[in-house]
């Protein structure tokens, strides 16, 4: 019982911590991350995907509600307009769960799932920014200078943290 309550606390604490760390990393490393090739470490998406991968469809976590709420917070704090990530984050959770029904969870399939998720976040985030007149650079500029570097940064972070986070979830799994 006690281990189960710790397990249910792990997700929201990790979600809030990833939200705070994402902004802190962007602030501390703004010169390196926002240079000619801007990169965004999507740690919130990373934590949501890790949670879906390592909890094995645990519905007690209410991950859709949490992803919707953190998306609204993300929009209001980082973007300034509520609506883009409030719907992208639950969509990422849904797609990750959907794909996991057809593939086994291992590092290769998880990396491919995360790659799909990050592409969805980047493309829909850019499209939402263009529709909301928050982004003014062209799609070609976005693909060449922001999409690929952000994708590579997030894949590296995913691979580096995969086993430590898996061990963390295994420790609290019951």
N, C-alpha and C. Protein backbone atom coordinates (compact mmCIF):
# COMPACT_ATOMS: atom_id res chain seq x y z
N UNK A 1 0.83 -1.20 0.00
CA UNK A 1 0.00 0.00 0.00
C UNK A 1 0.87 1.26 0.00
N UNK A 2 1.87 1.29 0.88
CA UNK A 2 2.73 2.45 0.97
C UNK A 2 3.53 2.63 -0.32
N UNK A 3 4.02 1.53 -0.88
CA UNK A 3 4.77 1.60 -2.12
C UNK A 3 3.90 2.11 -3.27
N UNK A 4 2.62 1.73 -3.28
CA UNK A 4 1.69 2.18 -4.32
C UNK A 4 1.48 3.69 -4.22
N UNK A 5 1.33 4.24 -3.01
CA UNK A 5 1.14 5.68 -2.87
C UNK A 5 2.40 6.44 -3.29
N UNK A 6 3.58 5.90 -3.03
CA UNK A 6 4.81 6.52 -3.48
C UNK A 6 4.87 6.52 -5.01
N UNK A 7 4.41 5.42 -5.58
CA UNK A 7 4.40 5.28 -7.04
C UNK A 7 3.47 6.31 -7.67
N UNK A 8 2.33 6.55 -7.05
CA UNK A 8 1.39 7.53 -7.58
C UNK A 8 1.87 8.96 -7.35
N UNK A 9 2.74 9.17 -6.41
CA UNK A 9 3.33 10.49 -6.18
C UNK A 9 4.51 10.76 -7.12
N UNK A 10 5.15 9.69 -7.58
CA UNK A 10 6.32 9.84 -8.45
C UNK A 10 5.97 10.59 -9.73
N UNK A 11 4.84 10.26 -10.33
CA UNK A 11 4.46 10.88 -11.60
C UNK A 11 4.24 12.39 -11.49
N UNK A 12 3.37 12.87 -10.61
CA UNK A 12 3.17 14.34 -10.57
C UNK A 12 4.40 15.10 -10.10
N UNK A 13 5.17 14.52 -9.19
CA UNK A 13 6.39 15.20 -8.74
C UNK A 13 7.38 15.30 -9.90
N UNK A 14 7.55 14.20 -10.63
CA UNK A 14 8.43 14.21 -11.80
C UNK A 14 7.94 15.16 -12.88
N UNK A 15 6.63 15.24 -13.04
CA UNK A 15 6.06 16.13 -14.05
C UNK A 15 6.34 17.60 -13.71
N UNK A 16 6.11 17.97 -12.47
CA UNK A 16 6.38 19.35 -12.05
C UNK A 16 7.87 19.67 -12.08
N UNK A 17 8.68 18.69 -11.67
CA UNK A 17 10.13 18.88 -11.71
C UNK A 17 10.62 19.05 -13.15
N UNK A 18 10.09 18.26 -14.08
CA UNK A 18 10.50 18.40 -15.48
C UNK A 18 10.05 19.74 -16.05
N UNK A 19 8.88 20.22 -15.62
CA UNK A 19 8.39 21.53 -16.05
C UNK A 19 9.35 22.63 -15.59
N UNK A 20 9.75 22.57 -14.35
CA UNK A 20 10.65 23.58 -13.79
C UNK A 20 12.04 23.47 -14.40
N UNK A 21 12.55 22.24 -14.55
CA UNK A 21 13.89 22.04 -15.11
C UNK A 21 13.97 22.49 -16.57
N UNK A 22 12.90 22.28 -17.31
CA UNK A 22 12.90 22.70 -18.72
C UNK A 22 13.13 24.20 -18.84
N UNK A 23 12.43 24.97 -18.05
CA UNK A 23 12.61 26.42 -18.06
C UNK A 23 13.98 26.83 -17.53
N UNK A 24 14.45 26.14 -16.50
CA UNK A 24 15.76 26.46 -15.94
C UNK A 24 16.88 26.16 -16.92
N UNK A 25 16.78 25.03 -17.60
CA UNK A 25 17.80 24.68 -18.60
C UNK A 25 17.81 25.70 -19.73
N UNK A 26 16.62 26.09 -20.16
CA UNK A 26 16.54 27.09 -21.23
C UNK A 26 17.10 28.44 -20.78
N UNK A 27 16.91 28.78 -19.52
CA UNK A 27 17.43 30.04 -19.00
C UNK A 27 18.95 29.98 -18.82
N UNK A 28 19.44 28.92 -18.21
CA UNK A 28 20.87 28.80 -17.93
C UNK A 28 21.68 28.65 -19.20
N UNK A 29 21.21 27.83 -20.12
CA UNK A 29 21.94 27.56 -21.35
C UNK A 29 21.34 28.29 -22.55
N UNK A 30 20.77 29.45 -22.31
CA UNK A 30 20.08 30.16 -23.39
C UNK A 30 21.02 30.52 -24.53
N UNK A 31 22.26 30.86 -24.23
CA UNK A 31 23.20 31.21 -25.29
C UNK A 31 23.51 30.00 -26.17
N UNK A 32 23.71 28.85 -25.54
CA UNK A 32 24.04 27.64 -26.29
C UNK A 32 22.80 27.07 -27.00
N UNK A 33 21.64 27.12 -26.36
CA UNK A 33 20.45 26.50 -26.93
C UNK A 33 19.69 27.41 -27.89
N UNK A 34 19.85 28.71 -27.78
CA UNK A 34 19.09 29.63 -28.63
C UNK A 34 19.97 30.37 -29.61
N UNK A 35 21.05 29.76 -30.04
CA UNK A 35 21.95 30.40 -30.99
C UNK A 35 21.40 30.31 -32.40
N UNK A 36 22.28 30.03 -33.34
CA UNK A 36 21.86 29.92 -34.73
C UNK A 36 20.92 28.74 -34.94
N UNK A 37 21.12 27.66 -34.19
CA UNK A 37 20.27 26.48 -34.26
C UNK A 37 19.54 26.32 -32.93
N UNK A 38 18.38 26.96 -32.79
CA UNK A 38 17.67 26.91 -31.50
C UNK A 38 17.17 25.50 -31.18
N UNK A 39 17.37 25.11 -29.93
CA UNK A 39 16.96 23.79 -29.46
C UNK A 39 16.13 23.95 -28.19
N UNK A 40 15.09 23.14 -28.07
CA UNK A 40 14.25 23.16 -26.88
C UNK A 40 14.25 21.76 -26.28
N UNK A 41 14.69 21.62 -25.03
CA UNK A 41 14.62 20.30 -24.38
C UNK A 41 13.21 20.08 -23.83
N UNK A 42 12.41 19.31 -24.50
CA UNK A 42 11.03 19.07 -24.08
C UNK A 42 11.01 18.01 -22.96
N UNK A 43 11.36 18.43 -21.77
CA UNK A 43 11.42 17.51 -20.64
C UNK A 43 10.05 17.07 -20.17
N UNK A 44 9.04 17.91 -20.33
CA UNK A 44 7.67 17.54 -19.95
C UNK A 44 7.19 16.40 -20.84
N UNK A 45 7.42 16.52 -22.13
CA UNK A 45 7.05 15.46 -23.06
C UNK A 45 7.83 14.20 -22.72
N UNK A 46 9.09 14.36 -22.42
CA UNK A 46 9.94 13.23 -22.04
C UNK A 46 9.36 12.49 -20.83
N UNK A 47 8.97 13.22 -19.81
CA UNK A 47 8.42 12.59 -18.61
C UNK A 47 7.08 11.92 -18.89
N UNK A 48 6.24 12.54 -19.70
CA UNK A 48 4.96 11.94 -20.06
C UNK A 48 5.18 10.63 -20.82
N UNK A 49 6.10 10.63 -21.75
CA UNK A 49 6.37 9.41 -22.53
C UNK A 49 6.98 8.34 -21.64
N UNK A 50 7.94 8.70 -20.81
CA UNK A 50 8.52 7.73 -19.87
C UNK A 50 7.45 7.12 -18.98
N UNK A 51 6.53 7.93 -18.50
CA UNK A 51 5.48 7.44 -17.63
C UNK A 51 4.60 6.43 -18.36
N UNK A 52 4.21 6.74 -19.59
CA UNK A 52 3.39 5.80 -20.35
C UNK A 52 4.18 4.52 -20.63
N UNK A 53 5.45 4.65 -20.96
CA UNK A 53 6.26 3.48 -21.28
C UNK A 53 6.47 2.57 -20.07
N UNK A 54 6.72 3.15 -18.93
CA UNK A 54 7.16 2.37 -17.78
C UNK A 54 6.06 2.03 -16.77
N UNK A 55 4.87 2.59 -16.93
CA UNK A 55 3.80 2.26 -15.99
C UNK A 55 2.86 1.20 -16.53
N UNK A 56 3.00 0.84 -17.78
CA UNK A 56 2.22 -0.24 -18.38
C UNK A 56 0.72 -0.02 -18.25
N UNK A 57 0.26 1.12 -18.77
CA UNK A 57 -1.16 1.44 -18.88
C UNK A 57 -1.86 1.56 -17.52
N UNK A 58 -1.17 2.06 -16.52
CA UNK A 58 -1.78 2.24 -15.20
C UNK A 58 -2.75 3.42 -15.25
N UNK A 59 -4.05 3.13 -15.13
CA UNK A 59 -5.06 4.18 -15.23
C UNK A 59 -5.25 4.95 -13.92
N UNK A 60 -4.64 4.49 -12.83
CA UNK A 60 -4.79 5.19 -11.56
C UNK A 60 -4.02 6.51 -11.52
N UNK A 61 -3.15 6.73 -12.49
CA UNK A 61 -2.36 7.96 -12.51
C UNK A 61 -3.11 9.15 -13.11
N UNK A 62 -4.19 8.89 -13.84
CA UNK A 62 -4.96 9.95 -14.51
C UNK A 62 -4.06 10.80 -15.39
N UNK A 63 -3.27 10.14 -16.20
CA UNK A 63 -2.24 10.80 -17.00
C UNK A 63 -2.82 11.78 -18.02
N UNK A 64 -4.02 11.50 -18.54
CA UNK A 64 -4.61 12.43 -19.50
C UNK A 64 -4.95 13.76 -18.83
N UNK A 65 -5.51 13.70 -17.63
CA UNK A 65 -5.84 14.94 -16.92
C UNK A 65 -4.58 15.71 -16.55
N UNK A 66 -3.57 14.97 -16.09
CA UNK A 66 -2.31 15.63 -15.75
C UNK A 66 -1.67 16.26 -16.99
N UNK A 67 -1.70 15.55 -18.12
CA UNK A 67 -1.09 16.10 -19.32
C UNK A 67 -1.87 17.33 -19.82
N UNK A 68 -3.17 17.29 -19.69
CA UNK A 68 -3.99 18.45 -20.05
C UNK A 68 -3.67 19.64 -19.14
N UNK A 69 -3.58 19.40 -17.84
CA UNK A 69 -3.28 20.46 -16.89
C UNK A 69 -1.89 21.03 -17.05
N UNK A 70 -0.90 20.16 -17.23
CA UNK A 70 0.47 20.67 -17.40
C UNK A 70 0.60 21.37 -18.74
N UNK A 71 -0.20 20.95 -19.74
CA UNK A 71 -0.21 21.64 -21.02
C UNK A 71 -0.74 23.06 -20.89
N UNK A 72 -1.80 23.23 -20.09
CA UNK A 72 -2.35 24.56 -19.86
C UNK A 72 -1.34 25.43 -19.11
N UNK A 73 -0.68 24.85 -18.11
CA UNK A 73 0.35 25.58 -17.37
C UNK A 73 1.53 25.92 -18.29
N UNK A 74 1.94 24.98 -19.11
CA UNK A 74 3.02 25.18 -20.06
C UNK A 74 2.69 26.31 -21.02
N UNK A 75 1.47 26.29 -21.54
CA UNK A 75 1.04 27.34 -22.46
C UNK A 75 1.05 28.71 -21.79
N UNK A 76 0.49 28.78 -20.61
CA UNK A 76 0.39 30.08 -19.95
C UNK A 76 1.75 30.61 -19.50
N UNK A 77 2.65 29.73 -19.09
CA UNK A 77 3.94 30.18 -18.58
C UNK A 77 4.96 30.41 -19.70
N UNK A 78 5.08 29.47 -20.64
CA UNK A 78 6.12 29.56 -21.66
C UNK A 78 5.66 30.21 -22.95
N UNK A 79 4.41 30.02 -23.33
CA UNK A 79 3.94 30.50 -24.63
C UNK A 79 3.18 31.82 -24.49
N UNK A 80 2.34 31.92 -23.48
CA UNK A 80 1.56 33.13 -23.28
C UNK A 80 0.15 33.04 -23.83
N UNK A 81 -0.14 32.00 -24.59
CA UNK A 81 -1.46 31.77 -25.17
C UNK A 81 -1.86 30.35 -24.83
N UNK A 82 -2.99 30.19 -24.15
CA UNK A 82 -3.43 28.85 -23.77
C UNK A 82 -4.09 28.16 -24.95
N UNK A 83 -3.69 26.92 -25.19
CA UNK A 83 -4.37 26.15 -26.22
C UNK A 83 -3.50 25.23 -27.02
N UNK A 84 -2.26 25.58 -27.28
CA UNK A 84 -1.44 24.76 -28.16
C UNK A 84 -1.00 23.48 -27.45
N UNK A 85 -0.22 23.59 -26.41
CA UNK A 85 0.31 22.41 -25.74
C UNK A 85 -0.71 21.75 -24.82
N UNK A 86 -1.76 22.45 -24.49
CA UNK A 86 -2.83 21.88 -23.68
C UNK A 86 -3.49 20.71 -24.41
N UNK A 87 -3.45 20.72 -25.72
CA UNK A 87 -4.01 19.63 -26.51
C UNK A 87 -2.93 18.72 -27.09
N UNK A 88 -1.72 19.24 -27.28
CA UNK A 88 -0.64 18.42 -27.81
C UNK A 88 -0.19 17.38 -26.80
N UNK A 89 -0.06 17.76 -25.52
CA UNK A 89 0.42 16.80 -24.52
C UNK A 89 -0.51 15.60 -24.35
N UNK A 90 -1.84 15.79 -24.22
CA UNK A 90 -2.71 14.61 -24.16
C UNK A 90 -2.67 13.79 -25.46
N UNK A 91 -2.50 14.45 -26.59
CA UNK A 91 -2.39 13.73 -27.86
C UNK A 91 -1.15 12.84 -27.88
N UNK A 92 -0.04 13.34 -27.35
CA UNK A 92 1.19 12.56 -27.27
C UNK A 92 0.98 11.33 -26.38
N UNK A 93 0.30 11.51 -25.26
CA UNK A 93 0.01 10.39 -24.37
C UNK A 93 -0.87 9.36 -25.09
N UNK A 94 -1.88 9.84 -25.79
CA UNK A 94 -2.78 8.93 -26.51
C UNK A 94 -2.03 8.15 -27.59
N UNK A 95 -1.22 8.83 -28.37
CA UNK A 95 -0.48 8.16 -29.45
C UNK A 95 0.53 7.17 -28.89
N UNK A 96 1.20 7.53 -27.81
CA UNK A 96 2.15 6.62 -27.19
C UNK A 96 1.45 5.36 -26.70
N UNK A 97 0.32 5.52 -26.03
CA UNK A 97 -0.45 4.36 -25.57
C UNK A 97 -0.95 3.52 -26.74
N UNK A 98 -1.37 4.17 -27.80
CA UNK A 98 -1.88 3.47 -28.96
C UNK A 98 -0.78 2.62 -29.61
N UNK A 99 0.39 3.20 -29.79
CA UNK A 99 1.50 2.46 -30.40
C UNK A 99 1.95 1.31 -29.50
N UNK A 100 1.93 1.52 -28.18
CA UNK A 100 2.37 0.47 -27.26
C UNK A 100 1.45 -0.76 -27.28
N UNK A 101 0.24 -0.61 -27.79
CA UNK A 101 -0.64 -1.77 -27.92
C UNK A 101 -0.11 -2.74 -28.98
N UNK A 102 0.69 -2.24 -29.92
CA UNK A 102 1.14 -3.04 -31.04
C UNK A 102 2.61 -3.43 -30.98
N UNK A 103 3.39 -2.79 -30.12
CA UNK A 103 4.81 -3.12 -30.01
C UNK A 103 5.17 -3.37 -28.55
N UNK A 104 6.22 -4.12 -28.35
CA UNK A 104 6.73 -4.34 -27.00
C UNK A 104 7.63 -3.18 -26.61
N UNK A 105 7.64 -2.91 -25.31
CA UNK A 105 8.45 -1.81 -24.81
C UNK A 105 9.89 -2.30 -24.63
N UNK A 106 10.80 -1.74 -25.43
CA UNK A 106 12.23 -1.91 -25.26
C UNK A 106 12.89 -0.62 -25.72
N UNK A 107 14.19 -0.54 -25.63
CA UNK A 107 14.84 0.74 -25.92
C UNK A 107 14.70 1.15 -27.38
N UNK A 108 14.71 0.20 -28.29
CA UNK A 108 14.59 0.54 -29.72
C UNK A 108 13.18 1.04 -30.04
N UNK A 109 12.17 0.27 -29.65
CA UNK A 109 10.80 0.69 -29.93
C UNK A 109 10.44 1.97 -29.16
N UNK A 110 10.94 2.09 -27.95
CA UNK A 110 10.68 3.30 -27.16
C UNK A 110 11.30 4.53 -27.81
N UNK A 111 12.49 4.37 -28.35
CA UNK A 111 13.14 5.49 -29.04
C UNK A 111 12.35 5.89 -30.28
N UNK A 112 11.84 4.92 -31.02
CA UNK A 112 11.04 5.23 -32.20
C UNK A 112 9.72 5.92 -31.81
N UNK A 113 9.11 5.44 -30.75
CA UNK A 113 7.89 6.07 -30.26
C UNK A 113 8.17 7.51 -29.84
N UNK A 114 9.26 7.71 -29.11
CA UNK A 114 9.61 9.07 -28.67
C UNK A 114 9.93 9.96 -29.86
N UNK A 115 10.57 9.41 -30.87
CA UNK A 115 10.86 10.17 -32.08
C UNK A 115 9.56 10.64 -32.74
N UNK A 116 8.59 9.75 -32.84
CA UNK A 116 7.28 10.11 -33.39
C UNK A 116 6.63 11.20 -32.53
N UNK A 117 6.69 11.03 -31.21
CA UNK A 117 6.08 12.01 -30.31
C UNK A 117 6.72 13.39 -30.43
N UNK A 118 8.04 13.44 -30.50
CA UNK A 118 8.72 14.73 -30.61
C UNK A 118 8.41 15.40 -31.95
N UNK A 119 8.32 14.60 -33.01
CA UNK A 119 7.96 15.16 -34.31
C UNK A 119 6.56 15.75 -34.24
N UNK A 120 5.64 15.06 -33.60
CA UNK A 120 4.28 15.57 -33.44
C UNK A 120 4.28 16.89 -32.66
N UNK A 121 5.02 16.91 -31.56
CA UNK A 121 5.09 18.12 -30.74
C UNK A 121 5.67 19.29 -31.54
N UNK A 122 6.75 19.04 -32.26
CA UNK A 122 7.39 20.11 -33.02
C UNK A 122 6.51 20.62 -34.16
N UNK A 123 5.94 19.71 -34.93
CA UNK A 123 5.13 20.12 -36.08
C UNK A 123 3.84 20.80 -35.63
N UNK A 124 3.14 20.21 -34.67
CA UNK A 124 1.89 20.83 -34.21
C UNK A 124 2.15 22.12 -33.44
N UNK A 125 3.24 22.17 -32.69
CA UNK A 125 3.60 23.40 -31.99
C UNK A 125 3.92 24.52 -32.96
N UNK A 126 4.65 24.18 -34.02
CA UNK A 126 4.96 25.19 -35.05
C UNK A 126 3.68 25.61 -35.78
N UNK A 127 2.85 24.64 -36.16
CA UNK A 127 1.60 24.96 -36.87
C UNK A 127 0.68 25.82 -36.01
N UNK A 128 0.57 25.48 -34.73
CA UNK A 128 -0.25 26.29 -33.82
C UNK A 128 0.32 27.68 -33.64
N UNK A 129 1.64 27.78 -33.58
CA UNK A 129 2.28 29.09 -33.47
C UNK A 129 2.07 29.93 -34.70
N UNK A 130 2.10 29.29 -35.87
CA UNK A 130 1.86 30.03 -37.11
C UNK A 130 0.41 30.51 -37.20
N UNK A 131 -0.53 29.64 -36.82
CA UNK A 131 -1.95 30.03 -36.87
C UNK A 131 -2.26 31.13 -35.86
N UNK A 132 -1.59 31.08 -34.71
CA UNK A 132 -1.82 32.09 -33.69
C UNK A 132 -0.96 33.31 -33.85
N UNK A 133 -0.20 33.39 -34.94
CA UNK A 133 0.70 34.51 -35.24
C UNK A 133 1.72 34.72 -34.12
N UNK A 134 2.19 33.61 -33.56
CA UNK A 134 3.24 33.67 -32.54
C UNK A 134 4.61 33.39 -33.15
N UNK A 135 4.62 32.76 -34.32
CA UNK A 135 5.84 32.39 -35.02
C UNK A 135 5.81 33.05 -36.40
N UNK A 136 6.91 33.69 -36.76
CA UNK A 136 6.93 34.40 -38.03
C UNK A 136 7.97 33.87 -39.01
N UNK A 137 8.74 32.86 -38.65
CA UNK A 137 9.71 32.34 -39.60
C UNK A 137 9.06 31.25 -40.45
N UNK A 138 9.63 31.03 -41.62
CA UNK A 138 9.03 30.11 -42.59
C UNK A 138 9.21 28.66 -42.18
N UNK A 139 8.44 27.79 -42.82
CA UNK A 139 8.53 26.36 -42.56
C UNK A 139 9.88 25.80 -42.93
N UNK A 140 10.48 26.30 -44.00
CA UNK A 140 11.81 25.85 -44.42
C UNK A 140 12.84 26.23 -43.38
N UNK A 141 12.75 27.46 -42.89
CA UNK A 141 13.67 27.92 -41.83
C UNK A 141 13.48 27.08 -40.57
N UNK A 142 12.24 26.79 -40.22
CA UNK A 142 11.95 25.97 -39.05
C UNK A 142 12.56 24.58 -39.20
N UNK A 143 12.36 23.95 -40.36
CA UNK A 143 12.88 22.60 -40.57
C UNK A 143 14.41 22.58 -40.55
N UNK A 144 15.03 23.56 -41.16
CA UNK A 144 16.48 23.57 -41.28
C UNK A 144 17.19 23.97 -40.00
N UNK A 145 16.64 24.94 -39.29
CA UNK A 145 17.38 25.50 -38.17
C UNK A 145 16.86 25.14 -36.79
N UNK A 146 15.61 24.73 -36.66
CA UNK A 146 15.07 24.43 -35.33
C UNK A 146 14.64 22.98 -35.18
N UNK A 147 14.02 22.41 -36.18
CA UNK A 147 13.46 21.07 -36.09
C UNK A 147 14.54 20.01 -35.83
N UNK A 148 15.53 19.95 -36.69
CA UNK A 148 16.56 18.92 -36.59
C UNK A 148 17.38 19.05 -35.30
N UNK A 149 17.88 20.24 -34.94
CA UNK A 149 18.64 20.34 -33.68
C UNK A 149 17.81 19.98 -32.44
N UNK A 150 16.55 20.40 -32.42
CA UNK A 150 15.68 20.07 -31.28
C UNK A 150 15.43 18.57 -31.22
N UNK A 151 15.22 17.97 -32.37
CA UNK A 151 15.00 16.53 -32.45
C UNK A 151 16.22 15.77 -31.94
N UNK A 152 17.40 16.16 -32.37
CA UNK A 152 18.63 15.49 -31.93
C UNK A 152 18.87 15.66 -30.43
N UNK A 153 18.69 16.88 -29.93
CA UNK A 153 18.87 17.13 -28.50
C UNK A 153 17.94 16.25 -27.66
N UNK A 154 16.67 16.20 -28.06
CA UNK A 154 15.70 15.42 -27.30
C UNK A 154 15.95 13.92 -27.39
N UNK A 155 16.41 13.43 -28.53
CA UNK A 155 16.75 12.01 -28.64
C UNK A 155 17.95 11.66 -27.77
N UNK A 156 18.93 12.54 -27.71
CA UNK A 156 20.10 12.30 -26.85
C UNK A 156 19.68 12.27 -25.38
N UNK A 157 18.87 13.23 -24.97
CA UNK A 157 18.39 13.26 -23.58
C UNK A 157 17.58 12.00 -23.27
N UNK A 158 16.73 11.59 -24.20
CA UNK A 158 15.91 10.38 -24.02
C UNK A 158 16.79 9.16 -23.81
N UNK A 159 17.81 8.99 -24.65
CA UNK A 159 18.67 7.81 -24.56
C UNK A 159 19.53 7.82 -23.30
N UNK A 160 20.01 8.99 -22.92
CA UNK A 160 20.85 9.09 -21.72
C UNK A 160 20.04 8.77 -20.45
N UNK A 161 18.80 9.22 -20.40
CA UNK A 161 17.98 9.04 -19.19
C UNK A 161 17.11 7.78 -19.21
N UNK A 162 17.11 7.03 -20.29
CA UNK A 162 16.20 5.89 -20.43
C UNK A 162 16.37 4.87 -19.29
N UNK A 163 17.56 4.38 -19.10
CA UNK A 163 17.76 3.35 -18.07
C UNK A 163 17.64 3.88 -16.64
N UNK A 164 18.17 5.06 -16.32
CA UNK A 164 17.97 5.56 -14.96
C UNK A 164 16.49 5.77 -14.61
N UNK A 165 15.70 6.31 -15.54
CA UNK A 165 14.29 6.52 -15.26
C UNK A 165 13.55 5.20 -15.20
N UNK A 166 13.94 4.25 -16.04
CA UNK A 166 13.34 2.91 -15.98
C UNK A 166 13.60 2.27 -14.63
N UNK A 167 14.81 2.41 -14.12
CA UNK A 167 15.13 1.88 -12.78
C UNK A 167 14.33 2.58 -11.70
N UNK A 168 14.13 3.87 -11.85
CA UNK A 168 13.33 4.63 -10.89
C UNK A 168 11.90 4.11 -10.86
N UNK A 169 11.30 3.92 -12.02
CA UNK A 169 9.92 3.40 -12.08
C UNK A 169 9.87 1.95 -11.58
N UNK A 170 10.89 1.16 -11.89
CA UNK A 170 10.92 -0.23 -11.40
C UNK A 170 10.99 -0.28 -9.88
N UNK A 171 11.70 0.68 -9.31
CA UNK A 171 11.82 0.72 -7.85
C UNK A 171 10.46 0.94 -7.18
N UNK A 172 9.61 1.76 -7.80
CA UNK A 172 8.32 2.08 -7.21
C UNK A 172 7.17 1.24 -7.75
N UNK A 173 7.44 0.41 -8.76
CA UNK A 173 6.38 -0.42 -9.35
C UNK A 173 6.03 -1.54 -8.39
N UNK A 174 4.75 -1.85 -8.30
CA UNK A 174 4.30 -2.95 -7.43
C UNK A 174 3.21 -3.72 -8.09
